[in-house]
Amino acid sequence: PPTGDGQETTASYTPTARTVPTRGRERASYD
């Protein structure tokens, strides 16, 4: 990869209003 900003990443993405499904929420993952 090209040089990044050096920031560490977490194990999961942060859910947002656009990434939380309206149906089947139990199948969603942010891992």
All heavy atoms as atom14 arrays in JSON, in Angstrom:
{
  "sequence": "PPTGDGQETTASYTPTARTVPTRGRERASYD",
  "atom14_mask": [
    [1, 1, 1, 1, 1, 1, 1, 0, 0, 0, 0, 0, 0, 0],
    [1, 1, 1, 1, 1, 1, 1, 0, 0, 0, 0, 0, 0, 0],
    [1, 1, 1, 1, 1, 1, 1, 0, 0, 0, 0, 0, 0, 0],
    [1, 1, 1, 1, 0, 0, 0, 0, 0, 0, 0, 0, 0, 0],
    [1, 1, 1, 1, 1, 1, 1, 1, 0, 0, 0, 0, 0, 0],
    [1, 1, 1, 1, 0, 0, 0, 0, 0, 0, 0, 0, 0, 0],
    [1, 1, 1, 1, 1, 1, 1, 1, 1, 0, 0, 0, 0, 0],
    [1, 1, 1, 1, 1, 1, 1, 1, 1, 0, 0, 0, 0, 0],
    [1, 1, 1, 1, 1, 1, 1, 0, 0, 0, 0, 0, 0, 0],
    [1, 1, 1, 1, 1, 1, 1, 0, 0, 0, 0, 0, 0, 0],
    [1, 1, 1, 1, 1, 0, 0, 0, 0, 0, 0, 0, 0, 0],
    [1, 1, 1, 1, 1, 1, 0, 0, 0, 0, 0, 0, 0, 0],
    [1, 1, 1, 1, 1, 1, 1, 1, 1, 1, 1, 1, 0, 0],
    [1, 1, 1, 1, 1, 1, 1, 0, 0, 0, 0, 0, 0, 0],
    [1, 1, 1, 1, 1, 1, 1, 0, 0, 0, 0, 0, 0, 0],
    [1, 1, 1, 1, 1, 1, 1, 0, 0, 0, 0, 0, 0, 0],
    [1, 1, 1, 1, 1, 0, 0, 0, 0, 0, 0, 0, 0, 0],
    [1, 1, 1, 1, 1, 1, 1, 1, 1, 1, 1, 0, 0, 0],
    [1, 1, 1, 1, 1, 1, 1, 0, 0, 0, 0, 0, 0, 0],
    [1, 1, 1, 1, 1, 1, 1, 0, 0, 0, 0, 0, 0, 0],
    [1, 1, 1, 1, 1, 1, 1, 0, 0, 0, 0, 0, 0, 0],
    [1, 1, 1, 1, 1, 1, 1, 0, 0, 0, 0, 0, 0, 0],
    [1, 1, 1, 1, 1, 1, 1, 1, 1, 1, 1, 0, 0, 0],
    [1, 1, 1, 1, 0, 0, 0, 0, 0, 0, 0, 0, 0, 0],
    [1, 1, 1, 1, 1, 1, 1, 1, 1, 1, 1, 0, 0, 0],
    [1, 1, 1, 1, 1, 1, 1, 1, 1, 0, 0, 0, 0, 0],
    [1, 1, 1, 1, 1, 1, 1, 1, 1, 1, 1, 0, 0, 0],
    [1, 1, 1, 1, 1, 0, 0, 0, 0, 0, 0, 0, 0, 0],
    [1, 1, 1, 1, 1, 1, 0, 0, 0, 0, 0, 0, 0, 0],
    [1, 1, 1, 1, 1, 1, 1, 1, 1, 1, 1, 1, 0, 0],
    [1, 1, 1, 1, 1, 1, 1, 1, 0, 0, 0, 0, 0, 0]
  ],
  "atom14_positions": [
    [[0.82, -1.21, 0.0], [0.0, 0.0, 0.0], [0.85, 1.25, 0.0], [2.0, 1.24, 0.44], [-0.79, -0.12, 1.31], [0.1, -0.92, 2.2], [0.81, -1.88, 1.29], [0.0, 0.0, 0.0], [0.0, 0.0, 0.0], [0.0, 0.0, 0.0], [0.0, 0.0, 0.0], [0.0, 0.0, 0.0], [0.0, 0.0, 0.0], [0.0, 0.0, 0.0]],
    [[0.31, 2.37, -0.5], [1.03, 3.63, -0.4], [1.09, 4.08, 1.03], [0.36, 3.58, 1.88], [0.17, 4.58, -1.25], [-1.19, 3.99, -1.21], [-0.98, 2.51, -1.15], [0.0, 0.0, 0.0], [0.0, 0.0, 0.0], [0.0, 0.0, 0.0], [0.0, 0.0, 0.0], [0.0, 0.0, 0.0], [0.0, 0.0, 0.0], [0.0, 0.0, 0.0]],
    [[1.98, 5.03, 1.31], [2.13, 5.52, 2.67], [0.82, 6.06, 3.19], [0.17, 6.88, 2.56], [3.2, 6.62, 2.72], [4.42, 6.09, 2.22], [3.41, 7.1, 4.14], [0.0, 0.0, 0.0], [0.0, 0.0, 0.0], [0.0, 0.0, 0.0], [0.0, 0.0, 0.0], [0.0, 0.0, 0.0], [0.0, 0.0, 0.0], [0.0, 0.0, 0.0]],
    [[0.4, 5.62, 4.39], [-0.86, 6.07, 4.98], [-0.61, 7.13, 6.02], [0.48, 7.7, 6.12], [0.0, 0.0, 0.0], [0.0, 0.0, 0.0], [0.0, 0.0, 0.0], [0.0, 0.0, 0.0], [0.0, 0.0, 0.0], [0.0, 0.0, 0.0], [0.0, 0.0, 0.0], [0.0, 0.0, 0.0], [0.0, 0.0, 0.0], [0.0, 0.0, 0.0]],
    [[-1.64, 7.39, 6.82], [-1.52, 8.45, 7.82], [-0.99, 7.93, 9.15], [-0.82, 8.69, 10.1], [-2.87, 9.14, 8.05], [-3.97, 8.16, 8.42], [-3.64, 7.01, 8.8], [-5.14, 8.55, 8.35], [0.0, 0.0, 0.0], [0.0, 0.0, 0.0], [0.0, 0.0, 0.0], [0.0, 0.0, 0.0], [0.0, 0.0, 0.0], [0.0, 0.0, 0.0]],
    [[-0.73, 6.62, 9.23], [-0.13, 6.05, 10.42], [-1.11, 5.81, 11.55], [-0.71, 5.37, 12.63], [0.0, 0.0, 0.0], [0.0, 0.0, 0.0], [0.0, 0.0, 0.0], [0.0, 0.0, 0.0], [0.0, 0.0, 0.0], [0.0, 0.0, 0.0], [0.0, 0.0, 0.0], [0.0, 0.0, 0.0], [0.0, 0.0, 0.0], [0.0, 0.0, 0.0]],
    [[-2.39, 6.07, 11.34], [-3.36, 5.89, 12.4], [-3.69, 4.41, 12.57], [-3.77, 3.66, 11.61], [-4.64, 6.67, 12.08], [-4.46, 8.19, 12.09], [-5.77, 8.9, 11.82], [-6.77, 8.29, 11.48], [-5.75, 10.2, 11.98], [0.0, 0.0, 0.0], [0.0, 0.0, 0.0], [0.0, 0.0, 0.0], [0.0, 0.0, 0.0], [0.0, 0.0, 0.0]],
    [[-3.83, 3.99, 13.82], [-4.2, 2.63, 14.1], [-5.69, 2.43, 13.82], [-6.49, 3.35, 13.99], [-3.88, 2.27, 15.55], [-2.39, 2.28, 15.88], [-2.13, 1.83, 17.29], [-3.11, 1.52, 18.0], [-0.96, 1.79, 17.68], [0.0, 0.0, 0.0], [0.0, 0.0, 0.0], [0.0, 0.0, 0.0], [0.0, 0.0, 0.0], [0.0, 0.0, 0.0]],
    [[-6.05, 1.23, 13.4], [-7.45, 0.93, 13.13], [-7.99, 0.0, 14.22], [-7.26, -0.78, 14.81], [-7.61, 0.26, 11.76], [-6.77, -0.92, 11.72], [-7.19, 1.2, 10.65], [0.0, 0.0, 0.0], [0.0, 0.0, 0.0], [0.0, 0.0, 0.0], [0.0, 0.0, 0.0], [0.0, 0.0, 0.0], [0.0, 0.0, 0.0], [0.0, 0.0, 0.0]],
    [[-9.27, 0.11, 14.46], [-9.92, -0.74, 15.46], [-10.35, -2.05, 14.81], [-10.31, -2.2, 13.59], [-11.14, -0.03, 16.04], [-12.08, 0.24, 14.99], [-10.72, 1.28, 16.7], [0.0, 0.0, 0.0], [0.0, 0.0, 0.0], [0.0, 0.0, 0.0], [0.0, 0.0, 0.0], [0.0, 0.0, 0.0], [0.0, 0.0, 0.0], [0.0, 0.0, 0.0]],
    [[-10.79, -2.99, 15.64], [-11.19, -4.29, 15.13], [-12.52, -4.23, 14.39], [-12.84, -5.14, 13.63], [-11.28, -5.3, 16.27], [0.0, 0.0, 0.0], [0.0, 0.0, 0.0], [0.0, 0.0, 0.0], [0.0, 0.0, 0.0], [0.0, 0.0, 0.0], [0.0, 0.0, 0.0], [0.0, 0.0, 0.0], [0.0, 0.0, 0.0], [0.0, 0.0, 0.0]],
    [[-13.29, -3.18, 14.6], [-14.61, -3.08, 13.98], [-14.84, -1.67, 13.45], [-14.28, -0.69, 13.96], [-15.71, -3.41, 14.99], [-15.59, -4.73, 15.45], [0.0, 0.0, 0.0], [0.0, 0.0, 0.0], [0.0, 0.0, 0.0], [0.0, 0.0, 0.0], [0.0, 0.0, 0.0], [0.0, 0.0, 0.0], [0.0, 0.0, 0.0], [0.0, 0.0, 0.0]],
    [[-15.66, -1.59, 12.41], [-16.1, -0.3, 11.9], [-17.23, 0.23, 12.79], [-17.95, -0.55, 13.42], [-16.59, -0.42, 10.46], [-15.5, -0.8, 9.5], [-15.35, -2.12, 9.05], [-14.6, 0.15, 9.02], [-14.35, -2.48, 8.17], [-13.59, -0.2, 8.14], [-13.46, -1.51, 7.71], [-12.46, -1.86, 6.85], [0.0, 0.0, 0.0], [0.0, 0.0, 0.0]],
    [[-17.39, 1.53, 12.81], [-18.44, 2.14, 13.61], [-19.74, 2.18, 12.82], [-19.78, 2.73, 11.72], [-18.05, 3.58, 14.01], [-16.82, 3.54, 14.75], [-19.12, 4.22, 14.86], [0.0, 0.0, 0.0], [0.0, 0.0, 0.0], [0.0, 0.0, 0.0], [0.0, 0.0, 0.0], [0.0, 0.0, 0.0], [0.0, 0.0, 0.0], [0.0, 0.0, 0.0]],
    [[-20.83, 1.59, 13.34], [-22.11, 1.64, 12.63], [-22.6, 3.08, 12.48], [-22.38, 3.93, 13.34], [-23.05, 0.83, 13.54], [-22.16, -0.01, 14.38], [-20.91, 0.8, 14.58], [0.0, 0.0, 0.0], [0.0, 0.0, 0.0], [0.0, 0.0, 0.0], [0.0, 0.0, 0.0], [0.0, 0.0, 0.0], [0.0, 0.0, 0.0], [0.0, 0.0, 0.0]],
    [[-23.25, 3.35, 11.36], [-23.86, 4.64, 11.12], [-25.3, 4.42, 10.68], [-25.74, 3.29, 10.45], [-23.12, 5.42, 10.02], [-23.33, 4.77, 8.75], [-21.62, 5.49, 10.31], [0.0, 0.0, 0.0], [0.0, 0.0, 0.0], [0.0, 0.0, 0.0], [0.0, 0.0, 0.0], [0.0, 0.0, 0.0], [0.0, 0.0, 0.0], [0.0, 0.0, 0.0]],
    [[-26.02, 5.5, 10.53], [-27.42, 5.4, 10.11], [-27.54, 4.7, 8.75], [-28.54, 4.03, 8.48], [-28.05, 6.79, 10.05], [0.0, 0.0, 0.0], [0.0, 0.0, 0.0], [0.0, 0.0, 0.0], [0.0, 0.0, 0.0], [0.0, 0.0, 0.0], [0.0, 0.0, 0.0], [0.0, 0.0, 0.0], [0.0, 0.0, 0.0], [0.0, 0.0, 0.0]],
    [[-26.52, 4.84, 7.91], [-26.58, 4.24, 6.58], [-26.12, 2.79, 6.56], [-26.36, 2.08, 5.58], [-25.76, 5.06, 5.58], [-26.3, 6.45, 5.34], [-25.73, 7.08, 4.09], [-24.3, 7.37, 4.19], [-23.61, 8.03, 3.27], [-24.22, 8.46, 2.17], [-22.31, 8.27, 3.42], [0.0, 0.0, 0.0], [0.0, 0.0, 0.0], [0.0, 0.0, 0.0]],
    [[-25.41, 2.36, 7.59], [-24.87, 0.99, 7.57], [-25.61, 0.03, 8.49], [-25.26, -1.14, 8.55], [-23.38, 0.99, 7.96], [-23.23, 1.49, 9.29], [-22.57, 1.84, 7.0], [0.0, 0.0, 0.0], [0.0, 0.0, 0.0], [0.0, 0.0, 0.0], [0.0, 0.0, 0.0], [0.0, 0.0, 0.0], [0.0, 0.0, 0.0], [0.0, 0.0, 0.0]],
    [[-26.63, 0.52, 9.2], [-27.46, -0.36, 10.03], [-28.68, -0.77, 9.21], [-29.5, 0.08, 8.85], [-27.89, 0.34, 11.33], [-28.83, -0.56, 12.12], [-26.67, 0.7, 12.17], [0.0, 0.0, 0.0], [0.0, 0.0, 0.0], [0.0, 0.0, 0.0], [0.0, 0.0, 0.0], [0.0, 0.0, 0.0], [0.0, 0.0, 0.0], [0.0, 0.0, 0.0]],
    [[-28.82, -2.07, 8.89], [-29.95, -2.49, 8.06], [-31.28, -2.36, 8.79], [-31.35, -2.47, 10.02], [-29.63, -3.96, 7.74], [-28.75, -4.41, 8.87], [-27.96, -3.2, 9.26], [0.0, 0.0, 0.0], [0.0, 0.0, 0.0], [0.0, 0.0, 0.0], [0.0, 0.0, 0.0], [0.0, 0.0, 0.0], [0.0, 0.0, 0.0], [0.0, 0.0, 0.0]],
    [[-32.34, -2.15, 8.04], [-33.67, -2.06, 8.64], [-34.27, -3.44, 8.85], [-35.18, -3.61, 9.66], [-34.61, -1.23, 7.75], [-34.64, -1.81, 6.43], [-34.11, 0.21, 7.64], [0.0, 0.0, 0.0], [0.0, 0.0, 0.0], [0.0, 0.0, 0.0], [0.0, 0.0, 0.0], [0.0, 0.0, 0.0], [0.0, 0.0, 0.0], [0.0, 0.0, 0.0]],
    [[-33.77, -4.46, 8.11], [-34.24, -5.83, 8.27], [-33.04, -6.75, 8.45], [-31.98, -6.53, 7.9], [-35.06, -6.29, 7.05], [-36.33, -5.5, 6.83], [-37.13, -6.04, 5.64], [-37.69, -7.36, 5.92], [-37.27, -8.48, 5.34], [-36.29, -8.44, 4.46], [-37.84, -9.64, 5.62], [0.0, 0.0, 0.0], [0.0, 0.0, 0.0], [0.0, 0.0, 0.0]],
    [[-33.23, -7.8, 9.21], [-32.16, -8.77, 9.41], [-30.96, -8.19, 10.12], [-29.82, -8.5, 9.77], [0.0, 0.0, 0.0], [0.0, 0.0, 0.0], [0.0, 0.0, 0.0], [0.0, 0.0, 0.0], [0.0, 0.0, 0.0], [0.0, 0.0, 0.0], [0.0, 0.0, 0.0], [0.0, 0.0, 0.0], [0.0, 0.0, 0.0], [0.0, 0.0, 0.0]],
    [[-31.19, -7.36, 11.12], [-30.07, -6.71, 11.82], [-29.14, -7.72, 12.48], [-27.96, -7.44, 12.66], [-30.59, -5.73, 12.86], [-31.3, -4.52, 12.26], [-31.54, -3.44, 13.31], [-32.2, -2.28, 12.75], [-32.35, -1.12, 13.37], [-31.87, -0.99, 14.61], [-32.97, -0.12, 12.8], [0.0, 0.0, 0.0], [0.0, 0.0, 0.0], [0.0, 0.0, 0.0]],
    [[-29.68, -8.88, 12.84], [-28.86, -9.88, 13.5], [-27.8, -10.46, 12.56], [-26.83, -11.08, 13.01], [-29.74, -11.01, 14.07], [-30.32, -11.95, 13.04], [-31.54, -11.39, 12.28], [-31.95, -10.25, 12.59], [-32.04, -12.1, 11.4], [0.0, 0.0, 0.0], [0.0, 0.0, 0.0], [0.0, 0.0, 0.0], [0.0, 0.0, 0.0], [0.0, 0.0, 0.0]],
    [[-27.97, -10.26, 11.27], [-27.0, -10.76, 10.3], [-25.92, -9.74, 9.96], [-24.97, -10.05, 9.25], [-27.72, -11.17, 9.01], [-28.67, -12.35, 9.2], [-29.44, -12.64, 7.93], [-30.36, -13.76, 8.14], [-31.35, -14.08, 7.32], [-31.54, -13.35, 6.22], [-32.14, -15.11, 7.58], [0.0, 0.0, 0.0], [0.0, 0.0, 0.0], [0.0, 0.0, 0.0]],
    [[-26.08, -8.53, 10.45], [-25.11, -7.47, 10.14], [-23.87, -7.62, 11.01], [-23.92, -8.08, 12.15], [-25.73, -6.1, 10.36], [0.0, 0.0, 0.0], [0.0, 0.0, 0.0], [0.0, 0.0, 0.0], [0.0, 0.0, 0.0], [0.0, 0.0, 0.0], [0.0, 0.0, 0.0], [0.0, 0.0, 0.0], [0.0, 0.0, 0.0], [0.0, 0.0, 0.0]],
    [[-22.74, -7.25, 10.44], [-21.47, -7.28, 11.17], [-20.62, -6.1, 10.73], [-20.67, -5.68, 9.56], [-20.71, -8.58, 10.89], [-19.42, -8.55, 11.47], [0.0, 0.0, 0.0], [0.0, 0.0, 0.0], [0.0, 0.0, 0.0], [0.0, 0.0, 0.0], [0.0, 0.0, 0.0], [0.0, 0.0, 0.0], [0.0, 0.0, 0.0], [0.0, 0.0, 0.0]],
    [[-19.85, -5.58, 11.66], [-18.95, -4.47, 11.38], [-17.51, -4.88, 11.64], [-16.62, -4.04, 11.74], [-19.35, -3.26, 12.23], [-20.8, -2.89, 12.0], [-21.8, -3.43, 12.82], [-21.19, -2.1, 10.93], [-23.13, -3.15, 12.59], [-22.52, -1.83, 10.68], [-23.48, -2.35, 11.51], [-24.82, -2.09, 11.27], [0.0, 0.0, 0.0], [0.0, 0.0, 0.0]],
    [[-17.3, -6.2, 11.71], [-15.97, -6.75, 11.96], [-15.06, -6.47, 10.77], [-15.36, -6.83, 9.63], [-16.07, -8.25, 12.21], [-14.73, -8.88, 12.49], [-14.21, -8.75, 13.6], [-14.16, -9.49, 11.54], [0.0, 0.0, 0.0], [0.0, 0.0, 0.0], [0.0, 0.0, 0.0], [0.0, 0.0, 0.0], [0.0, 0.0, 0.0], [0.0, 0.0, 0.0]]
  ]
}
